[in-house]
Amino acid sequence: MAPKKKEEIIDGLTIKYHANGETVWSKGRVVKGQAEGYWEWYRIDGTIKRSGNFKNGAQVGEWITYDKVGNPYKKTHFD
């Protein structure tokens, strides 16, 4: 089982870190234990990997996946 990622809450955002404990892995809001609103995920080198919105812990709306240099290359829609 993988160790739990380091996380902290800054200005209401839950920020989780890669295993190195330094590079941000994801950030977004958690409300009543569930992801809520806009979230972003990052690669170990710091470039953005994916972004999208949650409502009551479920993916909603448009989600964007980014290439290795941070340019959008795929969009997925959730109802």
C-alpha atoms as a PDB file:
ATOM      1  CA  MET A   1       0.000   0.000   0.000  1.00  0.00           C
ATOM      2  CA  ALA A   2       1.370   3.426  -0.983  1.00  0.00           C
ATOM      3  CA  PRO A   3       2.060   5.881   1.824  1.00  0.00           C
ATOM      4  CA  LYS A   4      -0.467   8.681   2.326  1.00  0.00           C
ATOM      5  CA  LYS A   5       0.467  11.843   0.462  1.00  0.00           C
ATOM      6  CA  LYS A   6       1.490  14.856   2.514  1.00  0.00           C
ATOM      7  CA  GLU A   7      -1.286  17.445   2.526  1.00  0.00           C
ATOM      8  CA  GLU A   8      -2.081  20.817   4.031  1.00  0.00           C
ATOM      9  CA  ILE A   9      -4.854  23.391   3.859  1.00  0.00           C
ATOM     10  CA  ILE A  10      -3.912  26.916   2.776  1.00  0.00           C
ATOM     11  CA  ASP A  11      -6.548  29.629   2.295  1.00  0.00           C
ATOM     12  CA  GLY A  12      -9.251  26.935   2.181  1.00  0.00           C
ATOM     13  CA  LEU A  13      -7.496  24.863  -0.512  1.00  0.00           C
ATOM     14  CA  THR A  14      -6.443  21.299   0.237  1.00  0.00           C
ATOM     15  CA  ILE A  15      -2.991  20.860  -1.253  1.00  0.00           C
ATOM     16  CA  LYS A  16      -1.542  17.350  -1.647  1.00  0.00           C
ATOM     17  CA  TYR A  17       2.088  16.683  -2.527  1.00  0.00           C
ATOM     18  CA  HIS A  18       3.922  14.060  -4.593  1.00  0.00           C
ATOM     19  CA  ALA A  19       5.849  11.400  -2.650  1.00  0.00           C
ATOM     20  CA  ASN A  20       8.860  13.729  -2.490  1.00  0.00           C
ATOM     21  CA  GLY A  21       6.808  15.912  -0.117  1.00  0.00           C
ATOM     22  CA  GLU A  22       7.708  19.091  -1.989  1.00  0.00           C
ATOM     23  CA  THR A  23       6.061  19.161  -5.429  1.00  0.00           C
ATOM     24  CA  VAL A  24       2.317  19.854  -5.500  1.00  0.00           C
ATOM     25  CA  TRP A  25       0.298  16.870  -6.757  1.00  0.00           C
ATOM     26  CA  SER A  26      -3.213  18.371  -6.506  1.00  0.00           C
ATOM     27  CA  LYS A  27      -5.104  21.297  -5.074  1.00  0.00           C
ATOM     28  CA  GLY A  28      -8.742  22.167  -4.598  1.00  0.00           C
ATOM     29  CA  ARG A  29     -11.469  22.598  -2.007  1.00  0.00           C
ATOM     30  CA  VAL A  30     -12.939  19.862   0.161  1.00  0.00           C
ATOM     31  CA  VAL A  31     -16.398  20.445   1.653  1.00  0.00           C
ATOM     32  CA  LYS A  32     -17.833  17.951   4.138  1.00  0.00           C
ATOM     33  CA  GLY A  33     -15.192  15.405   3.126  1.00  0.00           C
ATOM     34  CA  GLN A  34     -15.847  15.651  -0.634  1.00  0.00           C
ATOM     35  CA  ALA A  35     -14.073  17.452  -3.468  1.00  0.00           C
ATOM     36  CA  GLU A  36     -15.951  20.616  -4.456  1.00  0.00           C
ATOM     37  CA  GLY A  37     -15.380  23.217  -7.154  1.00  0.00           C
ATOM     38  CA  TYR A  38     -12.280  23.632  -9.288  1.00  0.00           C
ATOM     39  CA  TRP A  39      -9.321  21.217  -8.870  1.00  0.00           C
ATOM     40  CA  GLU A  40      -5.926  20.890 -10.550  1.00  0.00           C
ATOM     41  CA  TRP A  41      -3.397  18.010 -10.692  1.00  0.00           C
ATOM     42  CA  TYR A  42       0.291  18.412 -11.477  1.00  0.00           C
ATOM     43  CA  ARG A  43       3.176  16.280 -12.687  1.00  0.00           C
ATOM     44  CA  ILE A  44       6.285  15.800 -10.551  1.00  0.00           C
ATOM     45  CA  ASP A  45       8.039  18.522 -12.623  1.00  0.00           C
ATOM     46  CA  GLY A  46       5.306  21.018 -11.683  1.00  0.00           C
ATOM     47  CA  THR A  47       3.477  21.223 -15.026  1.00  0.00           C
ATOM     48  CA  ILE A  48      -0.290  20.994 -14.920  1.00  0.00           C
ATOM     49  CA  LYS A  49      -1.669  17.561 -15.843  1.00  0.00           C
ATOM     50  CA  ARG A  50      -5.469  17.809 -15.441  1.00  0.00           C
ATOM     51  CA  SER A  51      -8.110  20.257 -14.253  1.00  0.00           C
ATOM     52  CA  GLY A  52     -11.842  20.248 -13.717  1.00  0.00           C
ATOM     53  CA  ASN A  53     -14.741  20.773 -11.354  1.00  0.00           C
ATOM     54  CA  PHE A  54     -16.477  18.673  -8.746  1.00  0.00           C
ATOM     55  CA  LYS A  55     -19.951  18.968  -7.264  1.00  0.00           C
ATOM     56  CA  ASN A  56     -20.596  16.899  -4.135  1.00  0.00           C
ATOM     57  CA  GLY A  57     -17.519  14.775  -4.927  1.00  0.00           C
ATOM     58  CA  ALA A  58     -18.562  13.969  -8.526  1.00  0.00           C
ATOM     59  CA  GLN A  59     -16.833  15.232 -11.676  1.00  0.00           C
ATOM     60  CA  VAL A  60     -18.983  17.802 -13.532  1.00  0.00           C
ATOM     61  CA  GLY A  61     -18.648  19.973 -16.607  1.00  0.00           C
ATOM     62  CA  GLU A  62     -15.541  20.220 -18.759  1.00  0.00           C
ATOM     63  CA  TRP A  63     -12.303  18.547 -17.695  1.00  0.00           C
ATOM     64  CA  ILE A  64      -9.034  19.309 -19.457  1.00  0.00           C
ATOM     65  CA  THR A  65      -6.008  17.039 -19.762  1.00  0.00           C
ATOM     66  CA  TYR A  66      -2.713  18.788 -20.566  1.00  0.00           C
ATOM     67  CA  ASP A  67       0.352  17.582 -22.459  1.00  0.00           C
ATOM     68  CA  LYS A  68       3.822  17.372 -20.885  1.00  0.00           C
ATOM     69  CA  VAL A  69       4.484  21.102 -21.371  1.00  0.00           C
ATOM     70  CA  GLY A  70       1.102  22.221 -20.028  1.00  0.00           C
ATOM     71  CA  ASN A  71      -0.847  22.772 -23.251  1.00  0.00           C
ATOM     72  CA  PRO A  72      -4.467  21.523 -23.332  1.00  0.00           C
ATOM     73  CA  TYR A  73      -4.833  18.476 -25.582  1.00  0.00           C
ATOM     74  CA  LYS A  74      -7.992  16.660 -24.472  1.00  0.00           C
ATOM     75  CA  LYS A  75     -11.372  17.792 -23.157  1.00  0.00           C
ATOM     76  CA  THR A  76     -13.874  15.506 -21.469  1.00  0.00           C
ATOM     77  CA  HIS A  77     -17.417  16.447 -20.421  1.00  0.00           C
ATOM     78  CA  PHE A  78     -19.255  15.078 -17.396  1.00  0.00           C
ATOM     79  CA  ASP A  79     -22.986  15.579 -16.745  1.00  0.00           C
END
